PDB file of N, CA and C in Angstrom:
ATOM      1  N   MET A   1      87.436 -82.751 -36.046  1.00  0.00           N
ATOM      2  CA  MET A   1      86.827 -81.463 -36.691  1.00  0.00           C
ATOM      3  C   MET A   1      87.143 -81.692 -37.913  1.00  0.00           C
ATOM      4  N   THR A   2      86.011 -81.125 -39.068  1.00  0.00           N
ATOM      5  CA  THR A   2      86.150 -81.459 -40.227  1.00  0.00           C
ATOM      6  C   THR A   2      86.952 -80.112 -41.103  1.00  0.00           C
ATOM      7  N   TRP A   3      87.134 -80.380 -42.523  1.00  0.00           N
ATOM      8  CA  TRP A   3      88.257 -79.682 -43.346  1.00  0.00           C
ATOM      9  C   TRP A   3      87.011 -78.250 -43.860  1.00  0.00           C
ATOM     10  N   ALA A   4      85.976 -78.572 -43.431  1.00  0.00           N
ATOM     11  CA  ALA A   4      85.225 -77.315 -43.510  1.00  0.00           C
ATOM     12  C   ALA A   4      85.369 -76.319 -42.439  1.00  0.00           C
ATOM     13  N   ALA A   5      85.411 -76.718 -41.227  1.00  0.00           N
ATOM     14  CA  ALA A   5      85.514 -75.982 -40.320  1.00  0.00           C
ATOM     15  C   ALA A   5      86.744 -75.302 -39.872  1.00  0.00           C
ATOM     16  N   VAL A   6      88.111 -75.985 -40.537  1.00  0.00           N
ATOM     17  CA  VAL A   6      89.224 -75.786 -40.607  1.00  0.00           C
ATOM     18  C   VAL A   6      89.838 -74.590 -41.527  1.00  0.00           C
ATOM     19  N   LEU A   7      89.005 -74.620 -42.675  1.00  0.00           N
ATOM     20  CA  LEU A   7      89.014 -73.492 -43.864  1.00  0.00           C
ATOM     21  C   LEU A   7      88.571 -72.695 -43.553  1.00  0.00           C
ATOM     22  N   ALA A   8      86.977 -72.687 -42.875  1.00  0.00           N
ATOM     23  CA  ALA A   8      86.049 -71.373 -42.339  1.00  0.00           C
ATOM     24  C   ALA A   8      87.223 -70.849 -41.073  1.00  0.00           C
ATOM     25  N   LEU A   9      87.912 -71.445 -40.260  1.00  0.00           N
ATOM     26  CA  LEU A   9      88.734 -70.788 -39.094  1.00  0.00           C
ATOM     27  C   LEU A   9      89.822 -70.353 -39.750  1.00  0.00           C
ATOM     28  N   ALA A  10      90.643 -70.967 -40.616  1.00  0.00           N
ATOM     29  CA  ALA A  10      91.544 -69.892 -41.372  1.00  0.00           C
ATOM     30  C   ALA A  10      91.207 -69.051 -42.183  1.00  0.00           C
ATOM     31  N   ALA A  11      90.141 -68.960 -42.984  1.00  0.00           N
ATOM     32  CA  ALA A  11      89.802 -67.569 -43.652  1.00  0.00           C
ATOM     33  C   ALA A  11      89.503 -66.669 -42.881  1.00  0.00           C
ATOM     34  N   GLY A  12      88.656 -66.851 -41.777  1.00  0.00           N
ATOM     35  CA  GLY A  12      88.404 -65.813 -40.850  1.00  0.00           C
ATOM     36  C   GLY A  12      89.700 -65.204 -40.057  1.00  0.00           C
ATOM     37  N   THR A  13      90.707 -66.487 -39.570  1.00  0.00           N
ATOM     38  CA  THR A  13      91.624 -65.331 -38.991  1.00  0.00           C
ATOM     39  C   THR A  13      92.516 -64.508 -40.103  1.00  0.00           C
ATOM     40  N   TYR A  14      92.554 -65.141 -41.517  1.00  0.00           N
ATOM     41  CA  TYR A  14      93.225 -64.249 -42.290  1.00  0.00           C
ATOM     42  C   TYR A  14      92.422 -63.176 -42.565  1.00  0.00           C
ATOM     43  N   LEU A  15      91.124 -62.962 -42.631  1.00  0.00           N
ATOM     44  CA  LEU A  15      90.619 -61.607 -42.868  1.00  0.00           C
ATOM     45  C   LEU A  15      90.414 -60.754 -41.677  1.00  0.00           C
ATOM     46  N   VAL A  16      90.365 -61.107 -40.522  1.00  0.00           N
ATOM     47  CA  VAL A  16      90.818 -60.460 -39.200  1.00  0.00           C
ATOM     48  C   VAL A  16      92.235 -59.579 -39.337  1.00  0.00           C
ATOM     49  N   ARG A  17      93.170 -60.682 -39.368  1.00  0.00           N
ATOM     50  CA  ARG A  17      94.281 -59.753 -39.628  1.00  0.00           C
ATOM     51  C   ARG A  17      94.375 -58.822 -40.820  1.00  0.00           C
ATOM     52  N   LEU A  18      93.749 -59.268 -42.167  1.00  0.00           N
ATOM     53  CA  LEU A  18      94.045 -58.174 -43.044  1.00  0.00           C
ATOM     54  C   LEU A  18      93.224 -56.933 -42.588  1.00  0.00           C
ATOM     55  N   ALA A  19      92.199 -56.759 -41.990  1.00  0.00           N
ATOM     56  CA  ALA A  19      91.310 -55.807 -41.355  1.00  0.00           C
ATOM     57  C   ALA A  19      91.860 -54.920 -40.860  1.00  0.00           C
ATOM     58  N   GLY A  20      92.957 -55.793 -39.878  1.00  0.00           N
ATOM     59  CA  GLY A  20      93.813 -54.660 -39.114  1.00  0.00           C
ATOM     60  C   GLY A  20      94.949 -54.182 -39.984  1.00  0.00           C
ATOM     61  N   ILE A  21      95.511 -54.649 -41.242  1.00  0.00           N
ATOM     62  CA  ILE A  21      96.593 -53.810 -41.674  1.00  0.00           C
ATOM     63  C   ILE A  21      95.675 -52.639 -42.651  1.00  0.00           C
ATOM     64  N   LEU A  22      94.430 -53.188 -43.315  1.00  0.00           N
ATOM     65  CA  LEU A  22      93.784 -52.117 -44.006  1.00  0.00           C
ATOM     66  C   LEU A  22      93.005 -51.140 -42.831  1.00  0.00           C
ATOM     67  N   LEU A  23      93.070 -50.963 -42.268  1.00  0.00           N
ATOM     68  CA  LEU A  23      92.469 -50.243 -41.261  1.00  0.00           C
ATOM     69  C   LEU A  23      93.374 -48.955 -40.272  1.00  0.00           C
ATOM     70  N   ARG A  24      94.344 -49.705 -40.419  1.00  0.00           N
ATOM     71  CA  ARG A  24      95.205 -49.393 -39.335  1.00  0.00           C
ATOM     72  C   ARG A  24      95.358 -47.750 -39.290  1.00  0.00           C
ATOM     73  N   ASP A  25      95.404 -47.041 -40.502  1.00  0.00           N
ATOM     74  CA  ASP A  25      95.552 -45.862 -40.549  1.00  0.00           C
ATOM     75  C   ASP A  25      93.965 -44.984 -40.595  1.00  0.00           C
ATOM     76  N   LYS A  26      92.968 -45.912 -40.734  1.00  0.00           N
ATOM     77  CA  LYS A  26      91.519 -45.250 -40.666  1.00  0.00           C
ATOM     78  C   LYS A  26      90.764 -45.403 -39.263  1.00  0.00           C
ATOM     79  N   VAL A  27      91.130 -46.115 -38.451  1.00  0.00           N
ATOM     80  CA  VAL A  27      90.854 -45.850 -37.084  1.00  0.00           C
ATOM     81  C   VAL A  27      91.627 -45.669 -35.920  1.00  0.00           C
ATOM     82  N   THR A  28      91.023 -44.648 -35.265  1.00  0.00           N
ATOM     83  CA  THR A  28      91.989 -44.311 -34.038  1.00  0.00           C
ATOM     84  C   THR A  28      91.348 -44.554 -33.036  1.00  0.00           C
ATOM     85  N   LEU A  29      91.988 -45.516 -32.061  1.00  0.00           N
ATOM     86  CA  LEU A  29      91.297 -45.489 -30.575  1.00  0.00           C
ATOM     87  C   LEU A  29      91.838 -44.443 -29.408  1.00  0.00           C
ATOM     88  N   PRO A  30      90.725 -44.373 -28.703  1.00  0.00           N
ATOM     89  CA  PRO A  30      90.766 -43.377 -27.487  1.00  0.00           C
ATOM     90  C   PRO A  30      92.187 -43.703 -26.977  1.00  0.00           C
ATOM     91  N   ALA A  31      92.580 -42.737 -26.082  1.00  0.00           N
ATOM     92  CA  ALA A  31      94.108 -43.250 -25.290  1.00  0.00           C
ATOM     93  C   ALA A  31      93.746 -44.304 -24.028  1.00  0.00           C
ATOM     94  N   ARG A  32      92.603 -43.901 -23.739  1.00  0.00           N
ATOM     95  CA  ARG A  32      92.530 -45.112 -22.871  1.00  0.00           C
ATOM     96  C   ARG A  32      92.351 -46.492 -23.002  1.00  0.00           C
ATOM     97  N   LEU A  33      91.619 -46.504 -24.273  1.00  0.00           N
ATOM     98  CA  LEU A  33      91.297 -47.450 -24.697  1.00  0.00           C
ATOM     99  C   LEU A  33      92.535 -48.556 -25.467  1.00  0.00           C
ATOM    100  N   ALA A  34      93.345 -47.582 -26.034  1.00  0.00           N
ATOM    101  CA  ALA A  34      94.557 -48.195 -26.239  1.00  0.00           C
ATOM    102  C   ALA A  34      95.068 -48.394 -25.384  1.00  0.00           C
ATOM    103  N   ARG A  35      95.467 -47.733 -23.958  1.00  0.00           N
ATOM    104  CA  ARG A  35      95.939 -48.462 -22.853  1.00  0.00           C
ATOM    105  C   ARG A  35      95.696 -49.364 -22.641  1.00  0.00           C
ATOM    106  N   LEU A  36      94.318 -49.583 -22.267  1.00  0.00           N
ATOM    107  CA  LEU A  36      93.652 -50.942 -21.585  1.00  0.00           C
ATOM    108  C   LEU A  36      93.865 -51.698 -22.596  1.00  0.00           C
ATOM    109  N   THR A  37      94.176 -51.892 -24.193  1.00  0.00           N
ATOM    110  CA  THR A  37      94.277 -52.792 -24.647  1.00  0.00           C
ATOM    111  C   THR A  37      95.714 -53.446 -24.508  1.00  0.00           C
ATOM    112  N   ASP A  38      96.479 -52.299 -24.551  1.00  0.00           N
ATOM    113  CA  ASP A  38      98.389 -52.912 -24.062  1.00  0.00           C
ATOM    114  C   ASP A  38      98.078 -53.574 -22.623  1.00  0.00           C
ATOM    115  N   LEU A  39      97.515 -53.268 -21.792  1.00  0.00           N
ATOM    116  CA  LEU A  39      97.420 -54.119 -20.136  1.00  0.00           C
ATOM    117  C   LEU A  39      96.769 -55.166 -20.742  1.00  0.00           C
ATOM    118  N   GLY A  40      95.727 -55.604 -21.368  1.00  0.00           N
ATOM    119  CA  GLY A  40      95.120 -56.942 -21.878  1.00  0.00           C
ATOM    120  C   GLY A  40      96.117 -57.668 -22.144  1.00  0.00           C
ATOM    121  N   ALA A  41      96.703 -57.282 -23.098  1.00  0.00           N
ATOM    122  CA  ALA A  41      97.555 -58.188 -23.592  1.00  0.00           C
ATOM    123  C   ALA A  41      98.651 -58.646 -22.586  1.00  0.00           C
ATOM    124  N   THR A  42      99.162 -57.859 -22.248  1.00  0.00           N
ATOM    125  CA  THR A  42     100.205 -57.807 -21.180  1.00  0.00           C
ATOM    126  C   THR A  42      99.960 -59.025 -20.120  1.00  0.00           C
ATOM    127  N   ALA A  43      98.481 -58.721 -19.609  1.00  0.00           N
ATOM    128  CA  ALA A  43      97.767 -59.905 -18.823  1.00  0.00           C
ATOM    129  C   ALA A  43      97.574 -61.244 -19.706  1.00  0.00           C
ATOM    130  N   LEU A  44      97.126 -60.974 -20.475  1.00  0.00           N
ATOM    131  CA  LEU A  44      97.144 -62.519 -21.034  1.00  0.00           C
ATOM    132  C   LEU A  44      98.192 -63.447 -21.395  1.00  0.00           C
ATOM    133  N   LEU A  45      99.670 -62.598 -21.633  1.00  0.00           N
ATOM    134  CA  LEU A  45     100.767 -63.312 -21.878  1.00  0.00           C
ATOM    135  C   LEU A  45     101.108 -63.769 -20.217  1.00  0.00           C
ATOM    136  N   VAL A  46     100.746 -62.958 -19.406  1.00  0.00           N
ATOM    137  CA  VAL A  46     101.241 -63.361 -17.764  1.00  0.00           C
ATOM    138  C   VAL A  46     100.260 -64.522 -17.566  1.00  0.00           C
ATOM    139  N   ALA A  47      99.221 -64.720 -17.990  1.00  0.00           N
ATOM    140  CA  ALA A  47      98.168 -65.749 -17.596  1.00  0.00           C
ATOM    141  C   ALA A  47      98.889 -66.891 -18.203  1.00  0.00           C
ATOM    142  N   LEU A  48      98.963 -66.940 -19.285  1.00  0.00           N
ATOM    143  CA  LEU A  48      99.793 -67.728 -20.199  1.00  0.00           C
ATOM    144  C   LEU A  48     101.089 -68.661 -19.801  1.00  0.00           C
ATOM    145  N   VAL A  49     101.938 -67.691 -19.313  1.00  0.00           N
ATOM    146  CA  VAL A  49     103.321 -68.095 -18.984  1.00  0.00           C
ATOM    147  C   VAL A  49     102.966 -68.884 -17.170  1.00  0.00           C
ATOM    148  N   ALA A  50     101.788 -67.897 -16.221  1.00  0.00           N
ATOM    149  CA  ALA A  50     101.739 -68.564 -15.523  1.00  0.00           C
ATOM    150  C   ALA A  50     100.768 -70.338 -15.500  1.00  0.00           C
ATOM    151  N   THR A  51     100.303 -70.213 -16.283  1.00  0.00           N
ATOM    152  CA  THR A  51      99.439 -71.365 -16.649  1.00  0.00           C
ATOM    153  C   THR A  51     100.267 -72.542 -17.137  1.00  0.00           C
ATOM    154  N   ALA A  52     101.486 -71.907 -18.019  1.00  0.00           N
ATOM    155  CA  ALA A  52     102.449 -73.139 -18.403  1.00  0.00           C
ATOM    156  C   ALA A  52     103.503 -73.588 -17.337  1.00  0.00           C
ATOM    157  N   ALA A  53     103.681 -72.784 -16.605  1.00  0.00           N
ATOM    158  CA  ALA A  53     104.950 -72.630 -15.576  1.00  0.00           C
ATOM    159  C   ALA A  53     104.374 -73.506 -14.222  1.00  0.00           C
ATOM    160  N   LEU A  54     103.275 -73.464 -14.216  1.00  0.00           N
ATOM    161  CA  LEU A  54     102.519 -74.117 -12.783  1.00  0.00           C
ATOM    162  C   LEU A  54     101.694 -75.130 -12.979  1.00  0.00           C
ATOM    163  N   THR A  55     101.365 -75.409 -13.946  1.00  0.00           N
ATOM    164  CA  THR A  55     100.506 -76.366 -14.008  1.00  0.00           C
ATOM    165  C   THR A  55     100.767 -77.599 -15.047  1.00  0.00           C
ATOM    166  N   GLU A  56     100.530 -79.079 -15.046  1.00  0.00           N
ATOM    167  CA  GLU A  56     100.816 -79.935 -16.025  1.00  0.00           C
ATOM    168  C   GLU A  56      99.535 -80.890 -15.520  1.00  0.00           C
ATOM    169  N   ALA A  57      98.804 -81.431 -16.763  1.00  0.00           N
ATOM    170  CA  ALA A  57      98.109 -82.480 -16.716  1.00  0.00           C
ATOM    171  C   ALA A  57      96.873 -82.145 -15.388  1.00  0.00           C
ATOM    172  N   GLY A  58      96.412 -80.732 -15.472  1.00  0.00           N
ATOM    173  CA  GLY A  58      95.388 -80.287 -14.547  1.00  0.00           C
ATOM    174  C   GLY A  58      95.783 -80.031 -12.866  1.00  0.00           C
ATOM    175  N   GLY A  59      97.112 -80.898 -12.643  1.00  0.00           N
ATOM    176  CA  GLY A  59      97.341 -80.333 -11.429  1.00  0.00           C
ATOM    177  C   GLY A  59      99.057 -79.291 -11.317  1.00  0.00           C
ATOM    178  N   PHE A  60      99.161 -79.214 -10.324  1.00  0.00           N
ATOM    179  CA  PHE A  60     100.443 -78.329  -9.933  1.00  0.00           C
ATOM    180  C   PHE A  60     101.595 -79.414 -10.506  1.00  0.00           C
ATOM    181  N   ALA A  61     102.715 -78.344 -10.915  1.00  0.00           N
ATOM    182  CA  ALA A  61     103.615 -79.200 -12.116  1.00  0.00           C
ATOM    183  C   ALA A  61     104.668 -79.208 -10.894  1.00  0.00           C
ATOM    184  N   GLY A  62     104.967 -78.631  -9.924  1.00  0.00           N
ATOM    185  CA  GLY A  62     106.085 -79.056  -9.133  1.00  0.00           C
ATOM    186  C   GLY A  62     106.837 -77.886  -8.632  1.00  0.00           C
ATOM    187  N   TRP A  63     107.747 -78.043  -8.547  1.00  0.00           N
ATOM    188  CA  TRP A  63     108.725 -76.782  -7.978  1.00  0.00           C
ATOM    189  C   TRP A  63     109.952 -76.304  -8.635  1.00  0.00           C
ATOM    190  N   ALA A  64     109.950 -77.310  -9.180  1.00  0.00           N
ATOM    191  CA  ALA A  64     111.607 -77.449 -10.343  1.00  0.00           C
ATOM    192  C   ALA A  64     111.168 -76.404 -11.263  1.00  0.00           C
ATOM    193  N   ARG A  65     109.802 -76.903 -12.283  1.00  0.00           N
ATOM    194  CA  ARG A  65     109.875 -75.814 -13.385  1.00  0.00           C
ATOM    195  C   ARG A  65     109.134 -74.423 -13.058  1.00  0.00           C
ATOM    196  N   PRO A  66     108.630 -74.399 -12.022  1.00  0.00           N
ATOM    197  CA  PRO A  66     108.289 -72.185 -11.672  1.00  0.00           C
ATOM    198  C   PRO A  66     109.831 -72.156 -11.163  1.00  0.00           C
ATOM    199  N   ALA A  67     110.670 -72.651 -10.642  1.00  0.00           N
ATOM    200  CA  ALA A  67     111.895 -71.955 -10.324  1.00  0.00           C
ATOM    201  C   ALA A  67     112.473 -72.016 -11.969  1.00  0.00           C
ATOM    202  N   GLY A  68     112.674 -72.706 -12.357  1.00  0.00           N
ATOM    203  CA  GLY A  68     113.411 -72.397 -13.813  1.00  0.00           C
ATOM    204  C   GLY A  68     112.785 -71.315 -14.620  1.00  0.00           C
ATOM    205  N   VAL A  69     111.411 -71.132 -14.378  1.00  0.00           N
ATOM    206  CA  VAL A  69     111.101 -70.158 -15.194  1.00  0.00           C
ATOM    207  C   VAL A  69     110.991 -68.688 -14.518  1.00  0.00           C
ATOM    208  N   LEU A  70     111.309 -68.971 -13.329  1.00  0.00           N
ATOM    209  CA  LEU A  70     112.002 -67.722 -12.234  1.00  0.00           C
ATOM    210  C   LEU A  70     113.163 -67.395 -13.022  1.00  0.00           C
ATOM    211  N   VAL A  71     114.272 -68.351 -12.728  1.00  0.00           N
ATOM    212  CA  VAL A  71     115.535 -68.197 -13.319  1.00  0.00           C
ATOM    213  C   VAL A  71     115.503 -67.397 -14.910  1.00  0.00           C
ATOM    214  N   GLY A  72     114.851 -68.202 -15.747  1.00  0.00           N
ATOM    215  CA  GLY A  72     114.553 -67.454 -16.733  1.00  0.00           C
ATOM    216  C   GLY A  72     114.257 -65.995 -16.969  1.00  0.00           C
ATOM    217  N   GLY A  73     113.185 -65.794 -16.364  1.00  0.00           N
ATOM    218  CA  GLY A  73     112.536 -64.550 -16.168  1.00  0.00           C
ATOM    219  C   GLY A  73     113.485 -63.242 -15.271  1.00  0.00           C
ATOM    220  N   VAL A  74     114.156 -63.837 -14.272  1.00  0.00           N
ATOM    221  CA  VAL A  74     115.325 -62.703 -13.927  1.00  0.00           C
ATOM    222  C   VAL A  74     116.573 -62.813 -14.673  1.00  0.00           C
ATOM    223  N   ALA A  75     117.148 -63.784 -15.832  1.00  0.00           N
ATOM    224  CA  ALA A  75     118.042 -63.666 -16.744  1.00  0.00           C
ATOM    225  C   ALA A  75     117.208 -62.750 -17.652  1.00  0.00           C
ATOM    226  N   ALA A  76     116.158 -62.566 -18.341  1.00  0.00           N
ATOM    227  CA  ALA A  76     115.920 -62.094 -19.233  1.00  0.00           C
ATOM    228  C   ALA A  76     115.749 -60.786 -18.667  1.00  0.00           C
ATOM    229  N   TRP A  77     115.244 -60.550 -17.612  1.00  0.00           N
ATOM    230  CA  TRP A  77     115.231 -58.983 -16.773  1.00  0.00           C
ATOM    231  C   TRP A  77     116.514 -58.607 -17.115  1.00  0.00           C
ATOM    232  N   LEU A  78     117.596 -59.059 -16.594  1.00  0.00           N
ATOM    233  CA  LEU A  78     119.004 -58.548 -16.639  1.00  0.00           C
ATOM    234  C   LEU A  78     119.732 -58.378 -18.301  1.00  0.00           C
ATOM    235  N   LYS A  79     118.729 -58.733 -19.171  1.00  0.00           N
ATOM    236  CA  LYS A  79     119.172 -58.521 -20.686  1.00  0.00           C
ATOM    237  C   LYS A  79     120.124 -59.490 -21.183  1.00  0.00           C
ATOM    238  N   VAL A  80     120.134 -60.884 -20.480  1.00  0.00           N
ATOM    239  CA  VAL A  80     121.135 -61.828 -20.718  1.00  0.00           C
ATOM    240  C   VAL A  80     120.747 -62.300 -22.344  1.00  0.00           C
ATOM    241  N   PRO A  81     121.681 -62.676 -22.832  1.00  0.00           N
ATOM    242  CA  PRO A  81     121.416 -63.235 -24.329  1.00  0.00           C
ATOM    243  C   PRO A  81     120.450 -64.578 -24.352  1.00  0.00           C
ATOM    244  N   PHE A  82     119.654 -64.562 -25.232  1.00  0.00           N
ATOM    245  CA  PHE A  82     118.017 -65.362 -25.133  1.00  0.00           C
ATOM    246  C   PHE A  82     118.699 -66.978 -25.121  1.00  0.00           C
ATOM    247  N   VAL A  83     119.671 -67.298 -25.733  1.00  0.00           N
ATOM    248  CA  VAL A  83     119.939 -68.478 -25.555  1.00  0.00           C
ATOM    249  C   VAL A  83     120.507 -68.842 -24.268  1.00  0.00           C
ATOM    250  N   LEU A  84     121.106 -68.137 -23.613  1.00  0.00           N
ATOM    251  CA  LEU A  84     121.369 -68.285 -22.316  1.00  0.00           C
ATOM    252  C   LEU A  84     120.392 -68.341 -21.329  1.00  0.00           C
ATOM    253  N   VAL A  85     119.304 -67.464 -21.727  1.00  0.00           N
ATOM    254  CA  VAL A  85     117.843 -67.417 -20.829  1.00  0.00           C
ATOM    255  C   VAL A  85     117.722 -68.930 -21.074  1.00  0.00           C
ATOM    256  N   VAL A  86     117.341 -69.534 -21.893  1.00  0.00           N
ATOM    257  CA  VAL A  86     117.034 -70.689 -22.504  1.00  0.00           C
ATOM    258  C   VAL A  86     117.640 -71.846 -21.552  1.00  0.00           C
ATOM    259  N   VAL A  87     119.077 -71.649 -22.063  1.00  0.00           N
ATOM    260  CA  VAL A  87     119.912 -72.618 -21.141  1.00  0.00           C
ATOM    261  C   VAL A  87     120.069 -72.549 -19.477  1.00  0.00           C
ATOM    262  N   LEU A  88     119.772 -71.436 -18.882  1.00  0.00           N
ATOM    263  CA  LEU A  88     119.604 -71.236 -17.304  1.00  0.00           C
ATOM    264  C   LEU A  88     118.400 -71.747 -16.872  1.00  0.00           C
ATOM    265  N   ALA A  89     117.216 -71.375 -17.726  1.00  0.00           N
ATOM    266  CA  ALA A  89     115.783 -71.995 -17.178  1.00  0.00           C
ATOM    267  C   ALA A  89     115.646 -73.234 -17.211  1.00  0.00           C
ATOM    268  N   ALA A  90     116.421 -73.858 -18.632  1.00  0.00           N
ATOM    269  CA  ALA A  90     115.931 -75.386 -18.786  1.00  0.00           C
ATOM    270  C   ALA A  90     116.984 -76.335 -17.817  1.00  0.00           C
ATOM    271  N   GLY A  91     118.488 -75.748 -17.449  1.00  0.00           N
ATOM    272  CA  GLY A  91     119.308 -76.243 -16.538  1.00  0.00           C
ATOM    273  C   GLY A  91     118.842 -76.194 -15.004  1.00  0.00           C
ATOM    274  N   THR A  92     118.331 -75.320 -14.580  1.00  0.00           N
ATOM    275  CA  THR A  92     117.927 -74.782 -13.398  1.00  0.00           C
ATOM    276  C   THR A  92     116.569 -75.876 -13.203  1.00  0.00           C
ATOM    277  N   THR A  93     115.802 -76.159 -14.103  1.00  0.00           N
ATOM    278  CA  THR A  93     114.823 -77.164 -14.159  1.00  0.00           C
ATOM    279  C   THR A  93     115.169 -78.567 -13.849  1.00  0.00           C
ATOM    280  N   ALA A  94     116.525 -78.887 -14.714  1.00  0.00           N
ATOM    281  CA  ALA A  94     116.908 -80.020 -14.700  1.00  0.00           C
ATOM    282  C   ALA A  94     117.904 -80.289 -13.616  1.00  0.00           C
ATOM    283  N   GLY A  95     118.512 -79.250 -13.073  1.00  0.00           N
ATOM    284  CA  GLY A  95     119.357 -79.689 -12.154  1.00  0.00           C
ATOM    285  C   GLY A  95     118.187 -80.223 -10.789  1.00  0.00           C
ATOM    286  N   LEU A  96     116.977 -78.860 -10.528  1.00  0.00           N
ATOM    287  CA  LEU A  96     116.425 -79.385  -9.272  1.00  0.00           C
ATOM    288  C   LEU A  96     115.717 -80.865  -9.602  1.00  0.00           C
ATOM    289  N   ARG A  97     115.393 -81.189 -10.728  1.00  0.00           N
ATOM    290  CA  ARG A  97     114.846 -82.224 -11.070  1.00  0.00           C
ATOM    291  C   ARG A  97     115.893 -83.624 -10.735  1.00  0.00           C
ATOM    292  N   ALA A  98     116.939 -83.425 -11.164  1.00  0.00           N
ATOM    293  CA  ALA A  98     117.991 -84.496 -10.861  1.00  0.00           C
ATOM    294  C   ALA A  98     118.333 -84.631  -9.133  1.00  0.00           C
ATOM    295  N   LEU A  99     118.075 -83.392  -8.794  1.00  0.00           N
ATOM    296  CA  LEU A  99     118.246 -83.174  -7.206  1.00  0.00           C
ATOM    297  C   LEU A  99     117.206 -84.188  -6.579  1.00  0.00           C
ATOM    298  N   GLY A 100     115.896 -84.145  -6.843  1.00  0.00           N
ATOM    299  CA  GLY A 100     114.724 -84.857  -6.753  1.00  0.00           C
ATOM    300  C   GLY A 100     113.928 -84.019  -6.302  1.00  0.00           C
ATOM    301  N   VAL A 101     113.937 -82.629  -6.320  1.00  0.00           N
ATOM    302  CA  VAL A 101     112.823 -81.705  -6.417  1.00  0.00           C
ATOM    303  C   VAL A 101     111.853 -81.915  -7.868  1.00  0.00           C
ATOM    304  N   ALA A 102     110.608 -82.162  -7.110  1.00  0.00           N
ATOM    305  CA  ALA A 102     109.716 -82.294  -8.345  1.00  0.00           C
ATOM    306  C   ALA A 102     109.115 -81.300  -9.119  1.00  0.00           C
TER     307      ALA A 102
END
């Protein structure tokens, strides 16, 4: 990728973010569209988590990683402090891998 492309993408990103700030009070979305936007953001986040948790190098990541993500998700849902959520998720994954679960 050339520097011109990197600079063009950086400028475009900056302008899109600036437009959001400048147009926040001038543009109102219908309630249905605002709800769909929220749902779209949630779906995108879930897809990102699922891809990161379940795949590695184009294939299935094994059972240890999804188990760790599940433990971390439950801990977060129970409002456990974030540092402990990370430790529980990583510990679960590491423990299962140490036991031979791929």
